[in-house]
Protein backbone atom coordinates (compact mmCIF):
# COMPACT_ATOMS: atom_id res chain seq x y z
CA UNK A 1 28.92 16.25 0.34
CA UNK A 2 27.14 16.81 3.56
CA UNK A 3 23.76 17.75 2.03
CA UNK A 4 23.81 14.78 -0.28
CA UNK A 5 24.61 12.23 2.43
CA UNK A 6 22.17 13.99 4.86
CA UNK A 7 19.35 13.86 2.26
CA UNK A 8 20.01 10.21 1.33
CA UNK A 9 20.28 9.21 5.05
CA UNK A 10 23.56 7.37 4.69
CA UNK A 11 24.22 7.88 8.35
CA UNK A 12 27.39 5.72 8.58
CA UNK A 13 29.15 7.73 5.85
CA UNK A 14 27.46 11.01 6.95
CA UNK A 15 28.74 10.65 10.55
CA UNK A 16 32.27 10.14 9.47
CA UNK A 17 32.20 13.04 7.03
CA UNK A 18 30.50 15.25 9.64
CA UNK A 19 33.18 14.53 12.35
CA UNK A 20 36.00 15.20 9.78
CA UNK A 21 34.19 18.46 8.86
CA UNK A 22 34.08 19.42 12.56
CA UNK A 23 37.80 18.75 12.88
CA UNK A 24 38.51 20.89 9.83
CA UNK A 25 36.49 23.69 11.26
CA UNK A 26 38.41 23.37 14.51
CA UNK A 27 41.82 23.57 12.79
CA UNK A 28 40.74 26.46 10.51
CA UNK A 29 39.10 28.47 13.24
CA UNK A 30 35.75 28.76 11.45
CA UNK A 31 33.23 29.75 14.12
CA UNK A 32 30.07 29.38 12.04
CA UNK A 33 30.94 25.90 10.67
CA UNK A 34 32.22 24.74 14.11
CA UNK A 35 28.94 25.67 15.86
CA UNK A 36 26.75 24.24 13.13
CA UNK A 37 28.67 20.92 13.00
CA UNK A 38 28.87 20.69 16.82
CA UNK A 39 25.09 21.12 17.08
CA UNK A 40 24.38 18.50 14.46
CA UNK A 41 26.91 16.07 16.07
CA UNK A 42 24.69 15.91 19.15
CA UNK A 43 21.87 14.21 17.23
CA UNK A 44 21.30 10.56 18.08
CA UNK A 45 21.43 9.63 14.43
CA UNK A 46 25.15 10.61 14.36
CA UNK A 47 27.26 7.52 15.18
CA UNK A 48 29.92 8.53 17.72
CA UNK A 49 30.66 7.66 21.28
CA UNK A 50 29.20 9.25 24.42
CA UNK A 51 32.47 10.74 25.70
CA UNK A 52 33.14 12.25 22.37
CA UNK A 53 29.71 13.89 22.27
CA UNK A 54 30.29 15.29 25.76
CA UNK A 55 33.58 16.70 24.63
CA UNK A 56 31.95 18.27 21.60
CA UNK A 57 29.28 19.87 23.89
CA UNK A 58 31.94 21.24 26.23
CA UNK A 59 33.83 22.95 23.29
CA UNK A 60 30.52 24.30 22.06
CA UNK A 61 29.87 26.00 25.34
CA UNK A 62 33.43 27.40 25.37
CA UNK A 63 32.88 28.95 21.98
CA UNK A 64 29.60 30.45 23.23
CA UNK A 65 31.57 32.06 26.14
CA UNK A 66 34.22 33.40 23.73
CA UNK A 67 36.87 30.86 24.74
CA UNK A 68 38.83 28.91 22.14
CA UNK A 69 37.97 25.14 22.08
CA UNK A 70 40.24 22.44 23.31
CA UNK A 71 41.10 19.45 21.15
CA UNK A 72 41.77 15.99 22.40
CA UNK A 73 45.20 16.34 20.87
CA UNK A 74 47.37 19.37 21.66
CA UNK A 75 46.44 22.55 19.86
CA UNK A 76 49.35 24.57 18.37
CA UNK A 77 49.73 28.22 19.38
CA UNK A 78 48.94 29.28 15.87
CA UNK A 79 45.52 27.62 15.99
CA UNK A 80 44.78 29.08 19.34
CA UNK A 81 45.74 32.57 18.08
CA UNK A 82 43.52 32.08 15.04
CA UNK A 83 40.65 31.17 17.29
CA UNK A 84 41.11 34.31 19.46
CA UNK A 85 41.13 36.51 16.41
CA UNK A 86 38.02 34.80 14.90
CA UNK A 87 36.09 35.04 18.21
CA UNK A 88 37.02 38.74 18.75
CA UNK A 89 35.93 39.63 15.20
CA UNK A 90 32.85 37.48 15.16
CA UNK A 91 29.44 39.14 15.41
CA UNK A 92 26.43 37.22 16.73
CA UNK A 93 23.80 35.95 16.29
CA UNK A 94 24.19 32.81 14.06
CA UNK A 95 21.01 31.62 12.28
CA UNK A 96 20.92 27.81 12.00
CA UNK A 97 17.88 26.21 10.49
CA UNK A 98 17.39 22.98 12.43
CA UNK A 99 14.97 21.41 9.87
CA UNK A 100 17.98 21.23 7.46
CA UNK A 101 20.17 19.38 9.98
CA UNK A 102 20.01 16.00 11.63
CA UNK A 103 17.22 16.21 14.28
CA UNK A 104 18.11 17.05 17.86
CA UNK A 105 14.59 18.12 18.98
CA UNK A 106 11.09 16.78 18.79
CA UNK A 107 8.55 19.54 18.61
CA UNK A 108 4.80 19.92 18.84
CA UNK A 109 2.95 23.15 18.38
CA UNK A 110 -0.79 23.78 19.14
CA UNK A 111 -3.08 26.77 19.72
CA UNK A 112 -4.93 27.10 22.93
CA UNK A 113 -8.28 27.76 21.17
CA UNK A 114 -9.57 26.33 17.89
CA UNK A 115 -11.25 29.74 16.97
CA UNK A 116 -9.64 33.11 16.89
CA UNK A 117 -11.24 36.55 17.04
CA UNK A 118 -9.83 39.99 16.19
CA UNK A 119 -7.96 41.89 18.92
CA UNK A 120 -7.75 38.79 21.03
CA UNK A 121 -4.59 37.46 22.59
CA UNK A 122 -3.30 34.22 21.02
CA UNK A 123 -1.73 31.58 23.20
CA UNK A 124 0.54 29.02 21.44
CA UNK A 125 1.81 25.96 23.24
CA UNK A 126 5.18 24.76 21.94
CA UNK A 127 6.59 21.48 23.31
CA UNK A 128 10.25 20.74 22.73
CA UNK A 129 11.70 17.35 23.53
CA UNK A 130 15.42 16.80 23.76
CA UNK A 131 16.26 13.61 21.88
CA UNK A 132 20.05 13.88 22.33
CA UNK A 133 22.06 11.86 24.85
CA UNK A 134 23.51 15.03 26.46
CA UNK A 135 21.69 17.77 28.29
CA UNK A 136 20.83 20.89 26.32
CA UNK A 137 20.07 24.39 27.82
CA UNK A 138 17.53 26.65 26.22
CA UNK A 139 18.07 30.27 27.10
CA UNK A 140 14.99 31.59 25.44
CA UNK A 141 12.14 30.90 22.94
CA UNK A 142 10.99 33.47 20.40
CA UNK A 143 8.29 33.52 17.85
CA UNK A 144 8.89 35.25 14.45
CA UNK A 145 6.07 36.50 12.35
CA UNK A 146 6.87 37.36 8.81
CA UNK A 147 5.09 38.11 5.60
CA UNK A 148 8.06 38.03 3.37
CA UNK A 149 8.82 41.77 3.56
CA UNK A 150 8.82 42.49 7.28
CA UNK A 151 9.63 40.39 10.32
CA UNK A 152 8.40 40.79 13.83
CA UNK A 153 10.01 38.98 16.74
CA UNK A 154 7.98 38.09 19.79
CA UNK A 155 9.36 36.82 23.04
CA UNK A 156 7.55 34.06 24.76
CA UNK A 157 5.75 34.92 28.02
CA UNK A 158 7.13 31.92 29.97
CA UNK A 159 8.41 28.47 29.44
CA UNK A 160 8.67 25.48 31.72
CA UNK A 161 10.97 22.46 31.64
CA UNK A 162 9.85 18.92 32.59
CA UNK A 163 11.99 15.83 33.12
CA UNK A 164 9.22 13.38 32.55
CA UNK A 165 6.18 13.20 30.31
CA UNK A 166 3.91 12.62 33.24
CA UNK A 167 4.81 16.06 34.61
CA UNK A 168 3.91 17.66 31.35
CA UNK A 169 0.53 15.92 31.17
CA UNK A 170 -0.28 16.93 34.78
CA UNK A 171 0.69 20.51 33.99
CA UNK A 172 -1.48 20.67 30.76
CA UNK A 173 -4.60 19.01 32.42
CA UNK A 174 -7.12 21.93 32.74
CA UNK A 175 -8.94 22.40 35.99
CA UNK A 176 -12.42 22.91 34.47
CA UNK A 177 -13.80 21.39 31.31
CA UNK A 178 -16.91 23.52 31.01
CA UNK A 179 -20.24 22.66 29.35
CA UNK A 180 -20.49 19.93 26.87
CA UNK A 181 -21.96 20.97 23.61
CA UNK A 182 -24.28 18.64 21.66
CA UNK A 183 -23.82 19.16 17.94
CA UNK A 184 -26.99 19.10 15.71
CA UNK A 185 -27.79 16.04 13.68
CA UNK A 186 -27.16 17.81 10.28
CA UNK A 187 -23.46 18.54 11.12
CA UNK A 188 -21.50 19.67 8.08
CA UNK A 189 -18.03 18.06 8.01
CA UNK A 190 -15.49 20.56 6.90
CA UNK A 191 -11.93 19.58 5.66
CA UNK A 192 -9.19 20.09 8.24
CA UNK A 193 -11.61 20.26 11.26
CA UNK A 194 -11.76 17.50 13.87
CA UNK A 195 -14.91 17.05 15.88
CA UNK A 196 -14.67 15.41 19.34
CA UNK A 197 -17.70 13.83 21.05
CA UNK A 198 -16.21 13.06 24.47
CA UNK A 199 -17.63 14.03 27.90
CA UNK A 200 -15.41 14.25 31.02
CA UNK A 201 -17.28 13.07 34.19
CA UNK A 202 -16.50 13.97 37.75
CA UNK A 203 -14.89 10.54 38.40
CA UNK A 204 -12.40 11.00 35.61
CA UNK A 205 -14.15 8.58 33.33
CA UNK A 206 -14.49 9.06 29.58
CA UNK A 207 -17.90 8.51 28.17
CA UNK A 208 -18.80 8.53 24.50
CA UNK A 209 -22.11 10.51 24.25
CA UNK A 210 -22.58 10.46 20.50
CA UNK A 211 -21.63 8.30 17.63
CA UNK A 212 -21.72 9.37 13.98
CA UNK A 213 -21.55 6.93 11.11
CA UNK A 214 -20.78 7.99 7.61
CA UNK A 215 -22.16 5.74 4.92
CA UNK A 216 -20.78 5.96 1.37
CA UNK A 217 -22.48 3.95 -1.35
CA UNK A 218 -20.08 2.44 -3.88
CA UNK A 219 -21.48 1.44 -7.28
CA UNK A 220 -19.90 0.01 -10.32
CA UNK A 221 -19.25 2.45 -13.15
CA UNK A 222 -19.52 -0.26 -15.80
CA UNK A 223 -19.13 -3.92 -16.39
CA UNK A 224 -16.98 -5.48 -19.09
CA UNK A 225 -17.29 -8.73 -20.89
CA UNK A 226 -15.28 -10.14 -23.81
CA UNK A 227 -16.06 -13.24 -25.78
CA UNK A 228 -14.77 -14.94 -28.95
CA UNK A 229 -16.89 -15.82 -31.99
CA UNK A 230 -16.44 -17.15 -35.48
CA UNK A 231 -17.08 -14.84 -38.49
CA UNK A 232 -20.58 -16.23 -38.63
CA UNK A 233 -21.18 -15.24 -34.96
CA UNK A 234 -20.99 -18.66 -33.42
CA UNK A 235 -19.44 -19.15 -29.97
CA UNK A 236 -15.81 -20.10 -30.24
CA UNK A 237 -13.96 -22.31 -27.73
CA UNK A 238 -10.85 -23.05 -29.87
CA UNK A 239 -9.29 -21.50 -32.84
CA UNK A 240 -7.09 -22.85 -35.66
CA UNK A 241 -3.86 -21.22 -36.59
CA UNK A 242 -4.34 -18.80 -39.43
CA UNK A 243 -8.06 -18.56 -38.88
CA UNK A 244 -9.81 -15.19 -38.50
CA UNK A 245 -12.04 -14.86 -35.42
CA UNK A 246 -13.93 -12.10 -33.63
CA UNK A 247 -13.44 -10.57 -30.22
CA UNK A 248 -16.69 -8.90 -29.05
CA UNK A 249 -16.02 -6.55 -26.17
CA UNK A 250 -19.20 -5.38 -24.47
CA UNK A 251 -19.39 -2.48 -21.96
CA UNK A 252 -22.57 -1.86 -19.97
CA UNK A 253 -22.97 1.27 -17.91
CA UNK A 254 -24.13 0.65 -14.35
CA UNK A 255 -23.23 3.98 -12.70
CA UNK A 256 -26.14 6.14 -11.45
CA UNK A 257 -24.38 9.24 -12.83
CA UNK A 258 -23.55 9.87 -16.47
CA UNK A 259 -20.20 8.80 -17.83
CA UNK A 260 -18.14 9.84 -20.80
CA UNK A 261 -16.43 7.09 -22.70
CA UNK A 262 -13.57 8.93 -24.24
CA UNK A 263 -11.79 6.07 -25.99
CA UNK A 264 -11.59 2.26 -26.22
CA UNK A 265 -8.81 0.34 -27.75
CA UNK A 266 -7.25 -3.16 -27.74
CA UNK A 267 -3.58 -3.78 -27.27
CA UNK A 268 -3.11 -7.20 -28.80
CA UNK A 269 -0.27 -9.61 -28.14
CA UNK A 270 2.62 -9.61 -30.61
CA UNK A 271 1.68 -13.22 -31.61
CA UNK A 272 -1.70 -11.92 -32.92
CA UNK A 273 -2.61 -9.84 -35.91
CA UNK A 274 -5.48 -7.31 -35.66
CA UNK A 275 -7.35 -6.60 -38.78
CA UNK A 276 -8.30 -3.06 -39.87
CA UNK A 277 -11.91 -4.22 -40.52
CA UNK A 278 -12.80 -3.93 -36.78
CA UNK A 279 -15.72 -1.69 -35.99
CA UNK A 280 -17.43 -0.23 -32.96
CA UNK A 281 -21.06 -0.03 -32.20
CA UNK A 282 -21.58 3.04 -30.07
CA UNK A 283 -23.71 6.14 -29.74
CA UNK A 284 -23.09 9.36 -31.58
CA UNK A 285 -22.31 11.09 -28.28
CA UNK A 286 -19.69 10.14 -25.72
CA UNK A 287 -22.10 10.53 -22.84
CA UNK A 288 -23.63 7.24 -21.51
CA UNK A 289 -26.39 6.88 -18.99
CA UNK A 290 -27.29 3.90 -16.81
CA UNK A 291 -28.14 0.67 -18.85
CA UNK A 292 -26.41 2.10 -21.99
CA UNK A 293 -24.12 -0.42 -23.74
CA UNK A 294 -21.17 -0.12 -26.01
CA UNK A 295 -19.86 -2.95 -28.27
CA UNK A 296 -16.57 -3.18 -29.94
CA UNK A 297 -15.93 -6.03 -32.51
CA UNK A 298 -12.33 -6.76 -33.30
CA UNK A 299 -11.19 -9.24 -35.98
CA UNK A 300 -8.09 -11.18 -34.97
CA UNK A 301 -5.82 -13.84 -36.45
CA UNK A 302 -2.96 -15.81 -35.08
CA UNK A 303 -0.21 -17.32 -37.17
CA UNK A 304 1.27 -19.26 -34.17
CA UNK A 305 -0.13 -22.34 -32.41
CA UNK A 306 -0.07 -22.79 -28.73
CA UNK A 307 3.28 -24.53 -28.78
CA UNK A 308 4.74 -21.81 -30.95
CA UNK A 309 3.46 -18.90 -28.83
CA UNK A 310 6.35 -16.75 -27.75
CA UNK A 311 6.21 -15.21 -24.28
CA UNK A 312 8.60 -13.84 -21.77
CA UNK A 313 8.74 -17.18 -19.94
CA UNK A 314 9.66 -19.02 -23.23
CA UNK A 315 12.50 -16.51 -23.70
CA UNK A 316 13.77 -17.10 -20.24
CA UNK A 317 13.47 -20.93 -20.70
CA UNK A 318 15.45 -20.65 -23.93
CA UNK A 319 18.21 -18.82 -22.09
CA UNK A 320 18.31 -21.39 -19.34
CA UNK A 321 18.65 -24.24 -21.88
CA UNK A 322 22.20 -23.22 -22.60
CA UNK A 323 23.24 -24.49 -19.19
CA UNK A 324 23.86 -28.23 -18.70
CA UNK A 325 20.85 -30.27 -17.51
CA UNK A 326 21.28 -32.49 -14.54
CA UNK A 327 19.08 -35.12 -13.07
CA UNK A 328 16.18 -34.07 -10.87
CA UNK A 329 17.72 -35.75 -7.82
CA UNK A 330 20.96 -33.79 -8.34
CA UNK A 331 19.52 -30.32 -8.53
CA UNK A 332 16.55 -30.70 -6.27
CA UNK A 333 16.58 -27.74 -3.78
CA UNK A 334 18.81 -25.51 -6.03
CA UNK A 335 16.31 -24.61 -8.61
CA UNK A 336 15.57 -20.92 -8.62
CA UNK A 337 11.71 -20.48 -8.84
CA UNK A 338 9.04 -23.02 -8.22
CA UNK A 339 10.18 -26.44 -7.07
CA UNK A 340 7.77 -29.30 -7.62
CA UNK A 341 8.03 -33.05 -7.31
CA UNK A 342 5.50 -33.61 -10.08
CA UNK A 343 6.75 -34.88 -13.46
CA UNK A 344 7.42 -32.31 -16.08
CA UNK A 345 4.58 -33.64 -18.30
CA UNK A 346 2.03 -32.99 -15.50
CA UNK A 347 3.23 -29.46 -14.97
CA UNK A 348 3.12 -28.72 -18.67
CA UNK A 349 -0.51 -30.01 -18.88
CA UNK A 350 -1.53 -27.51 -16.18
CA UNK A 351 -0.23 -24.55 -18.19
CA UNK A 352 -2.91 -21.99 -18.83
CA UNK A 353 -3.87 -20.49 -22.15
CA UNK A 354 -1.89 -17.51 -23.26
CA UNK A 355 -3.32 -13.96 -22.80
CA UNK A 356 -4.41 -12.40 -26.12
CA UNK A 357 -3.95 -8.74 -24.94
CA UNK A 358 -5.33 -5.89 -22.83
CA UNK A 359 -8.50 -4.00 -23.53
CA UNK A 360 -8.35 -0.39 -22.37
CA UNK A 361 -11.29 2.05 -21.56
CA UNK A 362 -10.62 5.74 -21.03
CA UNK A 363 -13.50 7.40 -19.30
CA UNK A 364 -14.42 10.15 -16.85
CA UNK A 365 -17.57 11.34 -15.05
CA UNK A 366 -19.71 13.79 -16.92
CA UNK A 367 -18.62 17.33 -16.15
CA UNK A 368 -15.38 16.28 -14.39
CA UNK A 369 -11.87 16.94 -15.64
CA UNK A 370 -10.07 13.84 -14.10
CA UNK A 371 -9.68 11.05 -16.63
CA UNK A 372 -9.57 7.35 -15.68
CA UNK A 373 -8.27 4.42 -17.58
CA UNK A 374 -9.49 0.90 -16.83
CA UNK A 375 -7.58 -2.13 -18.23
CA UNK A 376 -8.90 -5.62 -18.64
CA UNK A 377 -6.73 -8.63 -19.41
CA UNK A 378 -8.21 -10.73 -22.23
CA UNK A 379 -7.48 -14.43 -21.50
CA UNK A 380 -7.09 -16.50 -24.63
CA UNK A 381 -8.40 -19.86 -25.82
CA UNK A 382 -6.81 -22.93 -27.09
CA UNK A 383 -4.97 -22.62 -30.47
CA UNK A 384 -4.78 -25.82 -32.54
CA UNK A 385 -2.80 -26.79 -35.58
CA UNK A 386 -5.23 -27.13 -38.49
CA UNK A 387 -5.01 -30.52 -40.54
CA UNK A 388 -5.62 -28.62 -43.72
CA UNK A 389 -6.16 -24.98 -44.85
CA UNK A 390 -8.60 -24.25 -47.66
CA UNK A 391 -8.55 -20.79 -49.24
CA UNK A 392 -11.40 -19.83 -51.63
CA UNK A 393 -11.59 -16.63 -53.57
CA UNK A 394 -13.37 -15.08 -56.56
CA UNK A 395 -12.76 -11.98 -58.71
CA UNK A 396 -13.78 -8.66 -57.29
CA UNK A 397 -15.69 -7.64 -60.53
CA UNK A 398 -17.87 -9.89 -62.79
CA UNK A 399 -19.50 -9.18 -66.08
CA UNK A 400 -22.61 -10.56 -67.80
CA UNK A 401 -21.95 -13.66 -69.93
CA UNK A 402 -18.32 -13.68 -69.00
CA UNK A 403 -16.84 -16.74 -67.26
CA UNK A 404 -16.17 -16.21 -63.52
CA UNK A 405 -13.03 -17.68 -61.84
CA UNK A 406 -13.31 -19.53 -58.55
CA UNK A 407 -9.89 -20.09 -56.97
CA UNK A 408 -9.50 -22.94 -54.35
CA UNK A 409 -6.07 -23.24 -52.69
CA UNK A 410 -5.31 -26.22 -50.45
CA UNK A 411 -2.40 -25.82 -48.06
CA UNK A 412 -0.77 -28.45 -45.87
CA UNK A 413 0.39 -26.66 -42.65
CA UNK A 414 1.82 -29.92 -41.07
CA UNK A 415 5.12 -31.62 -41.95
CA UNK A 416 3.33 -34.86 -42.70
CA UNK A 417 2.09 -35.95 -46.09
CA UNK A 418 -1.58 -35.83 -46.76
CA UNK A 419 -3.48 -37.88 -49.34
CA UNK A 420 -6.60 -35.94 -50.47
CA UNK A 421 -9.50 -36.91 -52.59
CA UNK A 422 -11.55 -33.77 -53.32
CA UNK A 423 -14.53 -33.07 -55.54
CA UNK A 424 -16.21 -29.68 -56.48
CA UNK A 425 -19.97 -29.83 -56.54
CA UNK A 426 -21.80 -27.12 -58.49
CA UNK A 427 -25.73 -26.88 -58.16
CA UNK A 428 -27.54 -27.18 -61.46
CA UNK A 429 -30.49 -25.03 -60.33
CA UNK A 430 -30.86 -21.63 -61.94
CA UNK A 431 -30.79 -19.57 -58.81
CA UNK A 432 -28.07 -17.03 -59.56
CA UNK A 433 -29.31 -13.56 -60.37
CA UNK A 434 -27.24 -10.49 -61.39
CA UNK A 435 -28.63 -7.21 -62.68
CA UNK A 436 -31.88 -8.87 -63.67
CA UNK A 437 -30.15 -11.29 -66.05
CA UNK A 438 -30.19 -15.06 -65.75
CA UNK A 439 -26.95 -16.92 -65.88
CA UNK A 440 -26.65 -20.58 -66.92
């Protein structure tokens, strides 16, 4: 359980489990577990009292000296005998990876020089900061070089301890800065390299001697526009229920580099019906240059008016209607969501038109492997209830000197009764031609 609680950072539960594990290691005379749990218990993230941490540290030093630890409660002779046997049979060293435990040190590692040469000594500065509430003693610092097969252990030349951060800064301050190097104007910025343009003067004043500005031009890849039209290509501001209309999606390339339009598709709302007669006006190639355009014409139809449009908000409103409705003065301040003092009719009149769907464009830069997908929300228009639906149709095939059938269907979509006076007017002029034969 310790790795799970440690990874999830449940420190309250983890502290309790860790202290219980430490007590179990003490009673079972497990040297490795006792040392590991004792070291981790010194971390400031472990929730325990200061006297208890000092007692844990004292027992840890006793184990390092080969002496059985002492518990706050009396230890039985059997446990003490088990500890003596475990310590006599134990072989050091114990390898504990601190990065897998709760932190007890803050470390910072840096090289003395930014460039290295062959057969040149390498100086590494390692700064360790004790973040525990108890003092810790470091007997030695070693550097281990490994390539997976062989391991080389190097002992550090010297190390110094400081009680305050100011002492460390004074110790690390070099006596001579040296000459300041001016970089050329055509400096190549390489990844992972930090360039400093700072000059140290004699009076310990910092002076910025050069300032570099990086300018990146950002241009649009393409612009998108979507408009609604009737079937005879007239601008459409409102649509009747059951009427077919067009969505013309236009894409114009504005990027200075070439783009590949991989695919374009429209995800319509479930209240809409997309016809299969939609078509795209595009190039034979997927590569588009600046000022090239792509048009997508989509035929849509809705069988629901604006009041019958089903959205997620309408479903949530339907669920909330099952609860009893109180007066506005009674439930003011207890409504979850938006609270407004305006009448409900005013709020309903401000409702926006429903969204008709999302238009997606999959594209990438020419020659690149990374694909991008841009999505545009298509805002809808007003949907009205038609007073009368008229459907006209003729036969798919006609023959010479054979009567042709024209079918006209009138449908009343409203619940009210309509009184209709209709007349069919047929022109008398002989202007119908079919296969070179005149029809009368």
